[in-house]
Each structure stands twice: as structure tokens, then as C-alpha cells.
Amino acid sequence: MPFVLNISTMNKIILSNLIFMTCACIYAQDIIPNPFDLKPGYININELTGGYGLGSTEVANSKFFYGFTTIHGYEFIVSPFSINSGLSLGAGAGMQFYDDAALFPVFGDLRYFVRLKNISPFVFGSSGILMNLDNFRDQSMFFLNGGAGTMVKLSNNLNLSIGAGLFIQFSRDKTRDAFFNLKAGVSFKPDRRQIVNKTYIGFRTGKSLNRIENASENINHIGFRT
């Protein structure tokens, strides 16, 4: 005897599928990434740094240096000329080992980032004091450091930072030493994603999520789970 679906039976099947899809929508929420816009907030930059002496390197602490720095600051989101970018202001400290001494930099740091998809080119400038704890009054120095670099996105809150520039230090007796400076490290920003007012509906098919995205302010994601 052939199997025949009447209208009543089909209506029940359609209703059952709608109920199933509605339940699947709730389950699918955990795999749909929320859209976000970056918000201003705390930023931490930790870098290894090194310098190679330029010009005359006969005086002490002018041949080379290497060390590390840590910067804690605040990043502002700015958009000059409709360019998606950020501006960070911070204070830093660290330790630098020279050919003749170990000095402790304490400084202010300024960086301007241009935000692209996965990289953020930037320019930086910093200035402060190199403290010599053995003879703070006579052997501590002031310094200026400027250059450019790029950040490579590793995750939503972690970036690889690489930069190069010029490092100049000034002593009390008015001598000046210049170094070619390299920096490499990581920057950390807490997850500062600003949730946009958008709605989501999603269903899984196996392990994949099929999504149809509406370009309007309200975006609906639609898929199916089997």
C-alpha cells in the first residue's frame, strides 16, 4: 500500500521542524562570533631591546646595549581623515646592560597605530632618564628614542610588536651617544570588544555553520543543524 502524506500530516512535520530549528538557534549561539568595534582602554607592551653604537664608541657605555622594557598605558581610538587608528600614551621602565654598566630606564612612551586587518604599522617616540644606581647624580643620563614598526595580530588581545629606530643618550658632561635600536616583543590589551546592536539566528549542519548575512544594522545568521 503506497504511503501518502495528507495536508494535516505535512503541517505537523513543518511545525515540528520549526520548533526544532528554534531550539537549534539557542544552541548555535555559542559558535557565532559577536561583531565588535574596538574601544579605548588599557594596553601593556613588553619588549626586548638592543642597540648598536654609531659614530665614535671610545667612551664608556657607547658601544652597545641590550635589555628589556615594560610599558603600561592607555590607548585612544582616533580616526583622522577617516583612518582607523589608535594613539597610546604610557609610562615604562626596564633594564639595559651596556659594555660598562647596567642602567635603568624610566620614561614616557607615545605610539600612533594605523589599524589594518591583521597588521598595525606604527610610529613611536619615548623620552626619559637612564638611572645609574651606583652614581645617580653624575652618571645617570637622559635619552630620546624614536622610530617605526609594526604589530602583527596574534589574537583579539595579543599582538607581536617589531620596531627599529634611533636611540640617543645625553650625559651630564654634555657628551652624546647614538645607537641603532631594535625592539621586539608583545602587546596585550584586555578583550575590549564593543558589542554592536545586532541580532543572531544560527543553526548547525554537522560541524559547519551556514550563515546568511544581512548588510543592514540588524544582521541575521541562518543555518541548519543535523
Protein backbone atom coordinates (compact mmCIF):
# COMPACT_ATOMS: atom_id res chain seq x y z
CA MET A 1 0.00 0.00 0.00
CA PRO A 2 1.62 3.34 -1.02
CA PHE A 3 2.46 5.86 1.67
CA VAL A 4 0.53 9.11 1.22
CA LEU A 5 1.05 12.34 3.14
CA ASN A 6 -2.07 14.35 3.62
CA ILE A 7 -2.13 18.07 4.29
CA SER A 8 -2.63 17.63 8.03
CA THR A 9 0.43 15.39 8.32
CA MET A 10 2.59 17.80 6.33
CA ASN A 11 1.53 20.68 8.53
CA LYS A 12 2.60 18.71 11.59
CA ILE A 13 6.00 17.95 10.01
CA ILE A 14 6.56 21.60 9.12
CA LEU A 15 5.56 22.71 12.63
CA SER A 16 7.92 20.14 14.18
CA ASN A 17 10.79 21.35 12.02
CA LEU A 18 10.14 24.96 13.01
CA ILE A 19 10.21 24.04 16.69
CA PHE A 20 13.44 22.07 16.17
CA MET A 21 15.06 24.96 14.32
CA THR A 22 14.08 27.40 17.05
CA CYS A 23 15.72 25.21 19.67
CA ALA A 24 18.80 24.80 17.48
CA CYS A 25 19.05 28.57 17.26
CA ILE A 26 19.67 28.81 21.01
CA TYR A 27 22.24 26.01 20.85
CA ALA A 28 24.09 27.67 18.00
CA GLN A 29 24.68 30.89 19.93
CA ASP A 30 27.96 29.60 21.34
CA ILE A 31 29.66 29.36 17.93
CA ILE A 32 28.56 32.66 16.40
CA PRO A 33 31.21 35.32 16.95
CA ASN A 34 29.79 38.61 18.12
CA PRO A 35 30.63 41.61 15.97
CA PHE A 36 32.75 44.20 17.73
CA ASP A 37 34.22 47.64 17.49
CA LEU A 38 37.44 48.42 19.38
CA LYS A 39 37.05 50.57 22.46
CA PRO A 40 39.75 52.67 24.17
CA GLY A 41 41.40 51.16 27.22
CA TYR A 42 44.46 49.74 28.95
CA ILE A 43 47.45 48.49 26.92
CA ASN A 44 50.62 46.71 28.05
CA ILE A 45 53.73 46.47 25.83
CA ASN A 46 56.67 44.24 26.80
CA GLU A 47 59.76 44.35 24.59
CA LEU A 48 63.33 43.14 24.28
CA THR A 49 65.54 45.98 23.11
CA GLY A 50 69.07 46.30 21.78
CA GLY A 51 71.34 49.00 20.38
CA TYR A 52 74.50 49.16 18.27
CA GLY A 53 76.73 52.20 18.76
CA LEU A 54 77.07 54.68 15.90
CA GLY A 55 80.00 57.02 15.35
CA SER A 56 82.72 57.19 17.99
CA THR A 57 82.37 54.43 20.60
CA GLU A 58 85.51 55.07 22.64
CA VAL A 59 83.75 56.37 25.75
CA ALA A 60 82.08 54.06 28.26
CA ASN A 61 78.54 52.87 27.57
CA SER A 62 78.62 53.84 23.89
CA LYS A 63 79.40 50.54 22.08
CA PHE A 64 76.17 48.59 22.57
CA PHE A 65 73.32 47.81 24.93
CA TYR A 66 70.65 45.17 25.36
CA GLY A 67 67.80 44.74 27.80
CA PHE A 68 64.05 44.80 28.24
CA THR A 69 61.26 47.29 28.92
CA THR A 70 57.65 47.14 30.01
CA ILE A 71 55.09 49.87 29.25
CA HIS A 72 51.68 50.37 30.84
CA GLY A 73 49.37 52.88 29.23
CA TYR A 74 46.06 53.83 27.72
CA GLU A 75 45.08 53.54 24.06
CA PHE A 76 42.68 56.02 22.48
CA ILE A 77 40.74 55.18 19.33
CA VAL A 78 41.15 58.02 16.81
CA SER A 79 40.11 58.40 13.16
CA PRO A 80 41.89 61.31 11.48
CA PHE A 81 40.84 61.65 7.84
CA SER A 82 38.60 58.56 8.32
CA ILE A 83 41.68 56.37 9.01
CA ASN A 84 41.04 53.64 11.58
CA SER A 85 43.86 54.17 14.06
CA GLY A 86 44.88 54.30 17.70
CA LEU A 87 47.02 56.53 19.91
CA SER A 88 48.63 55.16 23.07
CA LEU A 89 50.18 57.07 25.95
CA GLY A 90 52.13 55.16 28.57
CA ALA A 91 54.83 55.07 31.21
CA GLY A 92 57.58 52.49 31.13
CA ALA A 93 60.59 51.10 32.95
CA GLY A 94 63.19 48.43 32.35
CA MET A 95 66.84 47.48 32.47
CA GLN A 96 69.64 48.00 29.91
CA PHE A 97 73.07 46.36 30.01
CA TYR A 98 75.95 48.34 28.48
CA ASP A 99 79.60 47.48 27.96
CA ASP A 100 80.48 49.22 31.22
CA ALA A 101 77.33 49.44 33.38
CA ALA A 102 73.73 48.46 33.91
CA LEU A 103 71.24 51.34 33.65
CA PHE A 104 67.55 51.51 34.47
CA PRO A 105 65.35 53.47 32.02
CA VAL A 106 62.23 55.24 33.31
CA PHE A 107 60.33 57.01 30.53
CA GLY A 108 57.18 58.15 28.83
CA ASP A 109 56.05 56.48 25.60
CA LEU A 110 53.83 57.68 22.72
CA ARG A 111 52.69 55.47 19.80
CA TYR A 112 50.39 56.03 16.84
CA PHE A 113 48.94 52.95 15.13
CA VAL A 114 47.21 52.57 11.76
CA ARG A 115 44.77 49.67 12.07
CA LEU A 116 44.67 47.31 9.09
CA LYS A 117 43.15 43.82 9.00
CA ASN A 118 45.92 41.77 10.62
CA ILE A 119 48.78 44.26 10.99
CA SER A 120 49.12 47.71 12.53
CA PRO A 121 52.05 49.86 11.34
CA PHE A 122 53.07 52.43 13.95
CA VAL A 123 55.48 55.21 14.79
CA PHE A 124 56.78 55.67 18.32
CA GLY A 125 58.63 58.16 20.45
CA SER A 126 59.86 57.92 24.02
CA SER A 127 61.95 60.00 26.37
CA GLY A 128 63.18 59.65 29.92
CA ILE A 129 66.10 59.05 32.23
CA LEU A 130 68.68 56.24 32.37
CA MET A 131 69.36 55.78 36.06
CA ASN A 132 72.75 54.60 37.30
CA LEU A 133 72.14 53.30 40.80
CA ASP A 134 75.86 53.32 41.67
CA ASN A 135 76.25 57.04 40.96
CA PHE A 136 72.84 58.54 40.25
CA ARG A 137 73.91 62.19 40.30
CA ASP A 138 76.93 62.07 37.98
CA GLN A 139 76.41 59.01 35.75
CA SER A 140 72.66 58.94 35.06
CA MET A 141 71.66 60.13 31.58
CA PHE A 142 68.69 61.41 29.61
CA PHE A 143 67.61 59.74 26.38
CA LEU A 144 65.40 60.14 23.31
CA ASN A 145 64.18 57.19 21.26
CA GLY A 146 62.12 57.32 18.07
CA GLY A 147 61.31 55.05 15.16
CA ALA A 148 58.71 52.92 13.41
CA GLY A 149 57.48 49.36 13.40
CA THR A 150 54.50 47.11 13.01
CA MET A 151 52.23 44.97 15.14
CA VAL A 152 51.03 41.59 13.88
CA LYS A 153 47.74 40.29 15.29
CA LEU A 154 48.04 37.01 17.19
CA SER A 155 44.61 37.06 18.84
CA ASN A 156 41.90 39.52 19.87
CA ASN A 157 44.06 40.82 22.72
CA LEU A 158 47.64 39.84 21.84
CA ASN A 159 49.97 41.29 19.17
CA LEU A 160 53.56 40.70 18.10
CA SER A 161 55.46 44.00 18.05
CA ILE A 162 58.60 44.65 15.95
CA GLY A 163 60.28 48.05 15.57
CA ALA A 164 63.50 49.89 14.76
CA GLY A 165 64.76 53.42 15.29
CA LEU A 166 67.39 55.75 16.70
CA PHE A 167 68.34 55.85 20.39
CA ILE A 168 70.28 58.91 21.65
CA GLN A 169 71.53 59.37 25.21
CA PHE A 170 72.90 62.54 26.82
CA SER A 171 75.22 62.63 29.84
CA ARG A 172 75.77 65.44 32.38
CA ASP A 173 79.07 66.44 30.78
CA LYS A 174 77.17 67.08 27.50
CA THR A 175 78.53 64.05 25.66
CA ARG A 176 76.08 62.36 23.31
CA ASP A 177 75.92 58.73 22.15
CA ALA A 178 73.73 57.39 19.34
CA PHE A 179 72.62 53.81 18.71
CA PHE A 180 70.74 51.95 16.02
CA ASN A 181 67.93 50.42 18.06
CA LEU A 182 65.84 47.26 17.52
CA LYS A 183 62.79 46.24 19.55
CA ALA A 184 60.73 43.03 19.58
CA GLY A 185 58.01 41.90 21.96
CA VAL A 186 54.31 41.53 22.54
CA SER A 187 51.49 43.90 23.38
CA PHE A 188 48.50 42.91 25.46
CA LYS A 189 45.06 44.52 25.52
CA PRO A 190 42.14 43.12 27.51
CA ASP A 191 39.22 42.00 25.34
CA ARG A 192 37.79 45.46 24.64
CA ARG A 193 35.18 44.43 22.07
CA GLN A 194 32.15 46.68 21.90
CA ILE A 195 29.08 44.63 21.05
CA VAL A 196 27.08 46.20 18.25
CA ASN A 197 23.27 46.05 18.49
CA LYS A 198 22.73 43.18 16.08
CA THR A 199 20.63 40.02 16.27
CA TYR A 200 21.75 36.47 15.54
CA ILE A 201 19.90 33.34 14.50
CA GLY A 202 22.01 30.27 13.73
CA PHE A 203 21.73 26.54 13.18
CA ARG A 204 24.49 24.00 12.63
CA THR A 205 24.87 21.44 9.84
CA GLY A 206 27.31 18.83 11.18
CA LYS A 207 30.31 20.88 12.34
CA SER A 208 29.76 23.80 10.00
CA LEU A 209 27.60 26.88 10.35
CA ASN A 210 25.88 28.22 7.27
CA ARG A 211 25.25 31.95 7.57
CA ILE A 212 23.37 34.46 5.52
CA GLU A 213 24.36 37.98 6.47
CA ASN A 214 22.16 41.00 6.01
CA ALA A 215 24.08 44.21 5.29
CA SER A 216 21.70 46.33 7.35
CA GLU A 217 22.27 47.25 11.01
CA ASN A 218 20.35 44.17 12.15
CA ILE A 219 22.19 41.06 10.93
CA ASN A 220 20.57 37.61 10.95
CA HIS A 221 22.70 34.47 10.72
CA ILE A 222 20.76 31.45 9.44
CA GLY A 223 21.92 27.84 9.14
CA PHE A 224 20.79 24.32 9.93
CA ARG A 225 21.96 21.58 12.27
CA THR A 226 21.59 17.89 11.51
